[in-house]
N, C-alpha and C. Protein backbone atom coordinates (compact mmCIF):
# COMPACT_ATOMS: atom_id res chain seq x y z
N MET A 1 18.92 -1.43 36.59
CA MET A 1 17.66 -1.17 35.99
C MET A 1 16.88 -0.20 36.93
N THR A 2 16.96 -0.47 38.25
CA THR A 2 16.23 0.36 39.20
C THR A 2 16.79 1.84 39.14
N TRP A 3 18.16 1.90 38.94
CA TRP A 3 18.79 3.18 38.99
C TRP A 3 18.29 4.07 37.74
N ILE A 4 18.02 3.33 36.66
CA ILE A 4 17.57 4.03 35.48
C ILE A 4 16.13 4.59 35.69
N MET A 5 15.31 3.77 36.35
CA MET A 5 13.94 4.29 36.57
C MET A 5 13.83 5.30 37.65
N ALA A 6 14.76 5.36 38.48
CA ALA A 6 14.79 6.34 39.61
C ALA A 6 15.22 7.72 39.14
N GLN A 7 15.89 7.87 37.99
CA GLN A 7 16.29 9.11 37.47
C GLN A 7 15.12 10.03 37.21
N SER A 8 15.25 11.26 37.43
CA SER A 8 14.13 12.21 37.22
C SER A 8 13.92 12.53 35.74
N ASP A 9 14.94 12.17 34.90
CA ASP A 9 14.82 12.49 33.45
C ASP A 9 13.86 11.48 32.85
N ASN A 10 13.72 10.28 33.42
CA ASN A 10 12.90 9.23 32.89
C ASN A 10 11.44 9.46 33.22
N PRO A 11 10.57 9.64 32.31
CA PRO A 11 9.14 9.89 32.65
C PRO A 11 8.46 8.64 33.30
N VAL A 12 8.91 7.48 33.01
CA VAL A 12 8.31 6.27 33.61
C VAL A 12 8.66 6.25 35.06
N GLY A 13 9.88 6.64 35.43
CA GLY A 13 10.27 6.60 36.82
C GLY A 13 9.50 7.65 37.65
N SER A 14 9.18 8.77 37.07
CA SER A 14 8.48 9.81 37.80
C SER A 14 6.96 9.46 37.96
N ILE A 15 6.44 8.57 37.09
CA ILE A 15 5.02 8.15 37.16
C ILE A 15 4.90 6.99 38.11
N LEU A 16 5.96 6.10 38.17
CA LEU A 16 5.80 4.89 39.00
C LEU A 16 5.53 5.14 40.46
N GLY A 17 6.12 6.15 41.06
CA GLY A 17 5.95 6.45 42.47
C GLY A 17 4.45 6.78 42.84
N PRO A 18 3.87 7.76 42.11
CA PRO A 18 2.43 8.01 42.35
C PRO A 18 1.52 6.87 42.04
N LEU A 19 1.83 6.12 41.01
CA LEU A 19 1.00 4.99 40.71
C LEU A 19 1.03 3.82 41.77
N LEU A 20 2.22 3.72 42.28
CA LEU A 20 2.40 2.72 43.41
C LEU A 20 1.60 3.19 44.60
N VAL A 21 1.60 4.49 44.90
CA VAL A 21 0.82 5.01 46.05
C VAL A 21 -0.64 4.81 45.79
N LEU A 22 -1.11 5.09 44.64
CA LEU A 22 -2.55 4.88 44.27
C LEU A 22 -2.91 3.47 44.36
N LEU A 23 -2.01 2.53 43.94
CA LEU A 23 -2.27 1.14 43.95
C LEU A 23 -2.49 0.64 45.35
N VAL A 24 -1.60 1.10 46.28
CA VAL A 24 -1.66 0.73 47.66
C VAL A 24 -2.88 1.29 48.33
N LEU A 25 -3.20 2.55 48.07
CA LEU A 25 -4.44 3.13 48.66
C LEU A 25 -5.62 2.53 48.12
N GLY A 26 -5.74 2.20 46.84
CA GLY A 26 -6.89 1.44 46.28
C GLY A 26 -7.08 0.12 46.95
N SER A 27 -5.98 -0.65 47.08
CA SER A 27 -6.07 -1.90 47.72
C SER A 27 -6.54 -1.85 49.15
N ALA A 28 -6.02 -0.79 49.88
CA ALA A 28 -6.48 -0.64 51.25
C ALA A 28 -8.02 -0.32 51.34
N LEU A 29 -8.40 0.50 50.40
CA LEU A 29 -9.82 0.82 50.33
C LEU A 29 -10.71 -0.42 50.04
N VAL A 30 -10.34 -1.24 49.04
CA VAL A 30 -11.10 -2.48 48.77
C VAL A 30 -11.08 -3.41 49.99
N PHE A 31 -9.93 -3.58 50.59
CA PHE A 31 -9.85 -4.42 51.86
C PHE A 31 -10.79 -3.88 52.90
N GLY A 32 -10.78 -2.54 53.14
CA GLY A 32 -11.64 -1.99 54.15
C GLY A 32 -13.07 -2.15 53.86
N VAL A 33 -13.44 -1.99 52.73
CA VAL A 33 -14.88 -2.06 52.31
C VAL A 33 -15.32 -3.55 52.50
N SER A 34 -14.40 -4.47 52.11
CA SER A 34 -14.73 -5.89 52.26
C SER A 34 -14.99 -6.28 53.79
N ILE A 35 -14.16 -5.78 54.61
CA ILE A 35 -14.26 -6.02 56.00
C ILE A 35 -15.57 -5.37 56.59
N LEU A 36 -15.89 -4.20 56.14
CA LEU A 36 -17.11 -3.53 56.57
C LEU A 36 -18.32 -4.30 56.10
N ARG A 37 -18.34 -4.79 54.92
CA ARG A 37 -19.44 -5.55 54.44
C ARG A 37 -19.69 -6.87 55.22
N LYS A 38 -18.57 -7.51 55.56
CA LYS A 38 -18.64 -8.73 56.30
C LYS A 38 -19.20 -8.45 57.71
N LYS A 39 -18.75 -7.35 58.30
CA LYS A 39 -19.26 -6.98 59.65
C LYS A 39 -20.72 -6.69 59.60
N LEU A 40 -21.17 -5.97 58.61
CA LEU A 40 -22.57 -5.69 58.47
C LEU A 40 -23.43 -6.88 58.28
N ARG A 41 -22.89 -7.86 57.46
CA ARG A 41 -23.67 -9.10 57.27
C ARG A 41 -23.66 -9.90 58.53
N ALA A 42 -22.59 -9.89 59.31
CA ALA A 42 -22.55 -10.64 60.58
C ALA A 42 -23.50 -10.07 61.62
N ASP A 43 -23.66 -8.76 61.63
CA ASP A 43 -24.67 -8.16 62.51
C ASP A 43 -26.08 -8.61 62.23
N ASP A 44 -26.35 -8.78 60.88
CA ASP A 44 -27.69 -9.22 60.51
C ASP A 44 -27.86 -10.76 60.87
N SER A 45 -26.82 -11.50 60.84
CA SER A 45 -26.94 -12.91 61.12
C SER A 45 -27.25 -13.21 62.56
N VAL A 46 -26.94 -12.26 63.42
CA VAL A 46 -27.21 -12.54 64.82
C VAL A 46 -28.67 -12.73 65.09
N ALA A 47 -29.45 -11.91 64.39
CA ALA A 47 -30.94 -12.02 64.52
C ALA A 47 -31.53 -13.19 63.98
N ARG A 48 -30.77 -13.92 63.10
CA ARG A 48 -31.34 -15.10 62.44
C ARG A 48 -31.16 -16.31 63.45
N ASP A 49 -30.18 -16.24 64.29
CA ASP A 49 -29.83 -17.33 65.13
C ASP A 49 -30.49 -17.36 66.45
N PHE A 50 -31.12 -16.21 66.92
CA PHE A 50 -31.65 -16.14 68.22
C PHE A 50 -33.13 -15.66 68.22
N SER A 51 -33.87 -16.05 69.18
CA SER A 51 -35.22 -15.48 69.29
C SER A 51 -35.07 -14.25 70.15
N LEU A 52 -36.16 -13.52 70.32
CA LEU A 52 -36.17 -12.32 71.10
C LEU A 52 -35.86 -12.68 72.60
N GLY A 53 -36.49 -13.76 73.04
CA GLY A 53 -36.22 -14.16 74.42
C GLY A 53 -34.79 -14.55 74.66
N ASP A 54 -34.11 -15.22 73.69
CA ASP A 54 -32.70 -15.50 73.83
C ASP A 54 -31.85 -14.19 73.86
N LEU A 55 -32.20 -13.28 73.05
CA LEU A 55 -31.50 -11.97 73.07
C LEU A 55 -31.71 -11.30 74.45
N ARG A 56 -32.92 -11.26 74.99
CA ARG A 56 -33.04 -10.63 76.30
C ARG A 56 -32.30 -11.32 77.35
N ARG A 57 -32.24 -12.65 77.28
CA ARG A 57 -31.47 -13.45 78.29
C ARG A 57 -29.96 -13.08 78.16
N LEU A 58 -29.47 -12.97 76.94
CA LEU A 58 -28.09 -12.67 76.83
C LEU A 58 -27.70 -11.25 77.30
N ARG A 59 -28.70 -10.36 77.13
CA ARG A 59 -28.53 -8.98 77.65
C ARG A 59 -28.49 -9.04 79.17
N ALA A 60 -29.45 -9.75 79.75
CA ALA A 60 -29.51 -9.87 81.23
C ALA A 60 -28.30 -10.46 81.82
N GLU A 61 -27.69 -11.40 81.10
CA GLU A 61 -26.50 -12.05 81.62
C GLU A 61 -25.25 -11.22 81.30
N GLY A 62 -25.45 -10.07 80.63
CA GLY A 62 -24.30 -9.20 80.27
C GLY A 62 -23.37 -9.69 79.19
N LYS A 63 -23.89 -10.60 78.39
CA LYS A 63 -23.10 -11.11 77.29
C LYS A 63 -23.21 -10.27 76.06
N ILE A 64 -24.19 -9.45 75.90
CA ILE A 64 -24.32 -8.52 74.85
C ILE A 64 -24.69 -7.17 75.42
N THR A 65 -24.38 -6.09 74.73
CA THR A 65 -24.61 -4.72 75.14
C THR A 65 -26.08 -4.33 74.77
N GLN A 66 -26.55 -3.20 75.29
CA GLN A 66 -27.88 -2.76 74.95
C GLN A 66 -27.97 -2.40 73.47
N ASP A 67 -26.88 -1.83 72.91
CA ASP A 67 -26.79 -1.52 71.48
C ASP A 67 -26.88 -2.69 70.63
N GLU A 68 -26.16 -3.75 71.03
CA GLU A 68 -26.32 -5.07 70.23
C GLU A 68 -27.70 -5.57 70.32
N LEU A 69 -28.32 -5.49 71.54
CA LEU A 69 -29.69 -6.04 71.67
C LEU A 69 -30.65 -5.19 70.75
N ASP A 70 -30.49 -3.89 70.79
CA ASP A 70 -31.35 -3.08 69.91
C ASP A 70 -31.19 -3.34 68.47
N ARG A 71 -29.95 -3.53 68.00
CA ARG A 71 -29.71 -3.73 66.65
C ARG A 71 -30.29 -5.17 66.22
N ALA A 72 -30.10 -6.15 67.11
CA ALA A 72 -30.63 -7.49 66.79
C ALA A 72 -32.14 -7.46 66.78
N LYS A 73 -32.75 -6.70 67.71
CA LYS A 73 -34.27 -6.63 67.71
C LYS A 73 -34.76 -5.99 66.45
N MET A 74 -34.01 -4.94 65.98
CA MET A 74 -34.50 -4.30 64.72
C MET A 74 -34.30 -5.27 63.57
N ALA A 75 -33.26 -6.06 63.58
CA ALA A 75 -33.10 -7.02 62.47
C ALA A 75 -34.21 -8.08 62.53
N LEU A 76 -34.55 -8.50 63.78
CA LEU A 76 -35.66 -9.50 63.86
C LEU A 76 -36.99 -8.90 63.29
N VAL A 77 -37.25 -7.65 63.70
CA VAL A 77 -38.50 -7.01 63.21
C VAL A 77 -38.44 -6.89 61.77
N GLY A 78 -37.27 -6.46 61.17
CA GLY A 78 -37.18 -6.35 59.69
C GLY A 78 -37.41 -7.65 58.97
N ARG A 79 -36.80 -8.71 59.52
CA ARG A 79 -36.93 -10.05 58.92
C ARG A 79 -38.37 -10.48 59.00
N ALA A 80 -39.06 -10.24 60.16
CA ALA A 80 -40.43 -10.69 60.29
C ALA A 80 -41.35 -9.89 59.33
N GLN A 81 -41.07 -8.62 59.13
CA GLN A 81 -41.87 -7.85 58.25
C GLN A 81 -41.66 -8.30 56.76
N SER A 82 -40.40 -8.62 56.41
CA SER A 82 -40.20 -9.10 55.09
C SER A 82 -40.84 -10.49 54.84
N GLU A 83 -40.88 -11.35 55.85
CA GLU A 83 -41.55 -12.63 55.77
C GLU A 83 -43.02 -12.43 55.57
N LEU A 84 -43.61 -11.45 56.19
CA LEU A 84 -45.07 -11.18 56.10
C LEU A 84 -45.40 -10.73 54.63
N LYS A 85 -44.46 -10.01 54.01
CA LYS A 85 -44.72 -9.42 52.69
C LYS A 85 -44.63 -10.49 51.59
N LYS A 86 -44.01 -11.60 51.87
CA LYS A 86 -43.81 -12.66 50.88
C LYS A 86 -45.18 -13.31 50.68
N PRO A 87 -45.52 -13.59 49.37
CA PRO A 87 -46.79 -14.27 49.09
C PRO A 87 -46.74 -15.72 49.59
N GLU A 88 -47.85 -16.15 50.16
CA GLU A 88 -47.82 -17.57 50.70
C GLU A 88 -47.91 -18.51 49.48
N PRO A 89 -47.23 -19.67 49.64
CA PRO A 89 -47.44 -20.69 48.57
C PRO A 89 -48.80 -21.24 48.62
N SER A 90 -49.30 -21.62 47.49
CA SER A 90 -50.62 -22.17 47.36
C SER A 90 -50.77 -23.51 48.13
N ARG A 91 -51.73 -23.58 48.98
CA ARG A 91 -51.94 -24.81 49.72
C ARG A 91 -52.64 -25.87 48.97
N ASN A 92 -53.43 -25.47 48.02
CA ASN A 92 -54.23 -26.40 47.16
C ASN A 92 -53.68 -26.35 45.76
N PRO A 93 -52.61 -27.12 45.52
CA PRO A 93 -52.05 -27.14 44.12
C PRO A 93 -53.07 -27.65 43.14
N GLU A 94 -52.98 -27.14 41.88
CA GLU A 94 -53.86 -27.59 40.90
C GLU A 94 -53.64 -29.05 40.58
N PRO A 95 -54.66 -29.78 40.30
CA PRO A 95 -54.45 -31.22 40.07
C PRO A 95 -53.66 -31.41 38.72
N ALA A 96 -52.76 -32.38 38.74
CA ALA A 96 -51.93 -32.58 37.68
C ALA A 96 -52.81 -33.18 36.46
N THR A 97 -52.53 -32.80 35.30
CA THR A 97 -53.24 -33.31 34.20
C THR A 97 -52.44 -34.47 33.65
N GLU A 98 -53.15 -35.47 33.14
CA GLU A 98 -52.52 -36.61 32.56
C GLU A 98 -51.93 -36.30 31.24
N VAL A 99 -50.80 -36.83 30.97
CA VAL A 99 -50.22 -36.66 29.61
C VAL A 99 -50.37 -37.95 28.95
N LYS A 100 -50.95 -37.96 27.69
CA LYS A 100 -51.16 -39.24 26.95
C LYS A 100 -50.24 -39.31 25.82
């Protein structure tokens, strides 16, 4: 069966090679994008777990680079700004009405 598909006279055999290459390249692209997205999300999560003081201490101890510190600080600032933009929940809820 493989011998029949490999013949150049068969149009299916001449299409299978390029389709297989496209399938492999597409799979590699999807895999690469998923890894990149996970890495970008992981960079953002660093700022959620540490305070600015913790980050400075880690930098002073040499556990993170200056670039990592800068990215984490920017993530902290962005998160703080987005928290400020959120409307505050009402502190005085309306009294419940009785249902009869």
